[in-house]
Protein backbone atom coordinates (compact mmCIF):
# COMPACT_ATOMS: atom_id res chain seq x y z
CA UNK A 1 -0.23 -0.16 0.13
CA UNK A 2 1.28 3.32 -1.06
CA UNK A 3 1.15 6.60 1.16
CA UNK A 4 0.54 9.21 -0.61
CA UNK A 5 2.15 12.74 0.34
CA UNK A 6 0.34 15.92 0.29
CA UNK A 7 2.10 18.80 -2.08
CA UNK A 8 1.50 21.27 0.62
CA UNK A 9 3.15 19.04 3.16
CA UNK A 10 6.64 19.26 1.13
CA UNK A 11 6.31 23.37 0.18
CA UNK A 12 5.62 23.78 4.00
CA UNK A 13 8.81 21.39 4.77
CA UNK A 14 10.91 23.02 2.18
CA UNK A 15 10.35 26.86 4.04
CA UNK A 16 10.67 25.34 7.94
CA UNK A 17 14.03 24.37 6.06
CA UNK A 18 15.02 27.60 4.73
CA UNK A 19 13.53 29.71 7.98
CA UNK A 20 16.31 27.48 9.89
CA UNK A 21 18.67 28.03 7.35
CA UNK A 22 17.66 31.69 7.19
CA UNK A 23 17.65 31.56 11.08
CA UNK A 24 21.51 29.74 11.32
CA UNK A 25 22.99 32.52 9.02
CA UNK A 26 22.11 35.82 10.46
CA UNK A 27 22.95 34.58 13.70
CA UNK A 28 26.57 33.76 12.98
CA UNK A 29 26.72 37.07 11.58
CA UNK A 30 25.37 38.69 14.33
CA UNK A 31 28.14 36.57 15.88
CA UNK A 32 30.39 37.60 13.64
CA UNK A 33 30.19 40.85 14.06
CA UNK A 34 30.46 40.67 17.37
CA UNK A 35 33.43 39.17 18.20
CA UNK A 36 34.82 41.76 15.26
CA UNK A 37 33.77 44.64 17.54
CA UNK A 38 35.97 42.15 20.96
CA UNK A 39 39.01 42.42 18.77
CA UNK A 40 38.92 46.60 17.69
CA UNK A 41 37.67 47.25 21.60
CA UNK A 42 41.17 44.47 22.78
CA UNK A 43 42.84 46.00 20.19
CA UNK A 44 42.72 49.36 21.29
CA UNK A 45 43.53 48.57 25.16
CA UNK A 46 46.89 47.19 24.03
CA UNK A 47 47.78 50.29 21.91
CA UNK A 48 46.74 51.66 25.26
CA UNK A 49 48.67 49.81 27.83
CA UNK A 50 51.70 50.42 24.85
CA UNK A 51 51.77 53.46 25.51
CA UNK A 52 51.11 53.59 28.98
CA UNK A 53 54.86 51.99 29.11
CA UNK A 54 56.88 53.67 27.15
CA UNK A 55 55.81 56.72 29.04
CA UNK A 56 56.68 54.45 31.61
CA UNK A 57 60.30 54.10 29.89
CA UNK A 58 60.92 57.80 29.54
CA UNK A 59 60.32 58.57 32.46
CA UNK A 60 63.13 56.34 34.13
CA UNK A 61 65.66 57.47 32.04
CA UNK A 62 67.27 60.00 32.85
CA UNK A 63 67.71 63.10 30.61
CA UNK A 64 70.44 63.81 29.32
CA UNK A 65 72.29 66.99 28.55
CA UNK A 66 72.32 67.94 24.70
CA UNK A 67 76.26 68.52 24.01
CA UNK A 68 77.83 72.23 22.62
CA UNK A 69 78.21 73.21 18.92
CA UNK A 70 79.85 71.00 17.00
CA UNK A 71 83.51 72.56 16.53
CA UNK A 72 84.03 72.24 13.45
CA UNK A 73 81.28 74.75 12.49
CA UNK A 74 78.77 72.67 10.72
CA UNK A 75 76.59 76.20 10.60
CA UNK A 76 76.25 75.93 13.89
CA UNK A 77 74.14 72.62 14.22
CA UNK A 78 74.56 70.87 17.09
CA UNK A 79 75.41 67.41 17.49
CA UNK A 80 72.19 65.57 18.64
CA UNK A 81 72.51 62.06 21.03
CA UNK A 82 71.22 59.73 19.80
CA UNK A 83 68.55 58.01 21.63
CA UNK A 84 69.33 56.19 24.60
CA UNK A 85 68.81 52.09 23.23
CA UNK A 86 68.62 48.92 25.14
CA UNK A 87 70.89 47.13 25.80
CA UNK A 88 69.83 43.43 23.77
CA UNK A 89 72.02 41.28 26.83
CA UNK A 90 71.26 42.95 29.42
CA UNK A 91 67.69 42.37 29.00
CA UNK A 92 67.75 38.66 28.27
CA UNK A 93 70.64 38.56 31.00
CA UNK A 94 66.81 39.78 32.77
CA UNK A 95 64.64 37.50 31.43
CA UNK A 96 66.95 34.50 31.85
CA UNK A 97 67.41 35.35 35.90
CA UNK A 98 62.72 35.78 35.76
CA UNK A 99 62.71 32.58 33.93
CA UNK A 100 65.32 30.81 36.96
CA UNK A 101 63.03 32.55 39.37
CA UNK A 102 65.80 34.77 40.47
CA UNK A 103 63.42 38.05 42.75
CA UNK A 104 64.12 41.21 41.13
CA UNK A 105 65.78 42.62 43.79
CA UNK A 106 68.81 40.04 42.91
CA UNK A 107 68.61 40.85 39.19
CA UNK A 108 69.21 44.33 39.90
CA UNK A 109 72.02 43.78 42.02
CA UNK A 110 73.88 41.22 40.36
CA UNK A 111 73.05 43.48 36.40
CA UNK A 112 74.31 47.13 38.29
CA UNK A 113 70.69 48.16 37.33
CA UNK A 114 68.37 49.60 39.36
CA UNK A 115 65.25 47.83 40.45
CA UNK A 116 63.13 50.08 38.94
CA UNK A 117 64.32 48.98 35.23
CA UNK A 118 64.47 44.81 35.79
CA UNK A 119 60.56 46.31 36.87
CA UNK A 120 60.37 47.66 33.62
CA UNK A 121 61.49 44.91 31.10
CA UNK A 122 59.30 42.48 33.28
CA UNK A 123 56.66 44.60 32.58
CA UNK A 124 57.65 44.81 28.96
CA UNK A 125 58.34 41.43 28.18
CA UNK A 126 54.66 39.80 29.85
CA UNK A 127 53.27 42.78 28.20
CA UNK A 128 54.69 42.04 24.44
CA UNK A 129 54.03 38.20 25.41
CA UNK A 130 50.24 38.76 25.82
């Protein structure tokens, strides 16, 4: 015995399936927009933190005096000292000692730097690796 399906039933099932697919499509779009906004907000927070750390680094480095004008007379232009650069070997030593479990005070005394410099190096490393 063969069961006949009413033609309307087929169309109703197709419409329900289509409505389900539309719902899934729009919910996926809404979720993607939410994640995109969250990523944008997180990126702004990271930029703000990096700006704050740069300002803290600039405050902790001692100000250098500008040397007098060049004795060769280069049109009265003064020689400008290059900005202080981070000693890469000192940075790697701080990170290595920190990973081995040494306290910041011990690292500072062993390397002959201030505790603030050690703390700042560790902060910058944590922010960069996060």
